[in-house]
Amino acid sequence: MESAHRQFSVQCFNDCWTLIDAAERTAEDVQEMVLLASASLWHWKQRPDCTPTNLSIGLWQVARVLALAGSPDLAAAFGEHCLRVGQQAGLTPFYTGYAREALCRAAVVQGRWAAAAAHLAQAQAELARVQEADERELLARDLDSLAQSIQAGPRERPA
């Protein structure tokens, strides 16, 4: 069973990325993307070699996919879980930055612009602490995209 979990955790993750990267997705593609991300995470959790880093990545992918699928409440819940895992395990700022990116993305989909801006600022603070150039570039690209979404989105009215 261990080899099956190893194979499916990786295959489902990679197949999900193909759909995440697709320029256009059908309703069936979105459903498949959610199932693949969930299956990947589940198979990772069954593996004896699953580390907090693997768990963080899987939780982040599920959060990202749920935001893309238009389920921001669930996306936020997975983003929060991802952040807790990263903080409790003392993961590098790259991983906690991506957990905050997931929370920002969920808030954007919810139309909670002030919350999205706050999550973005926290993610950018993590970005400033990322040591590896390729990791910094990857996270910066996603945060820049979210910053553009926030700037383009309507503003919340003050309470």
Foldseek 3Di string as FASTA:
>chain_A
DQVVLVVLLVVLVVVLVVLVPDPDDDLVSLVSNLVSLVSNLVSLVVHPPNDLVNNLVSLLSNLVSCLVNLNLVVSLVSLVVSLVSCVVVVHALLSNLSSLLSNLSSCLSVLVLVSNVVSLVVSVVSLVRDDDPVSSVVSVVSSVVSVVSSVPGDDDDDD
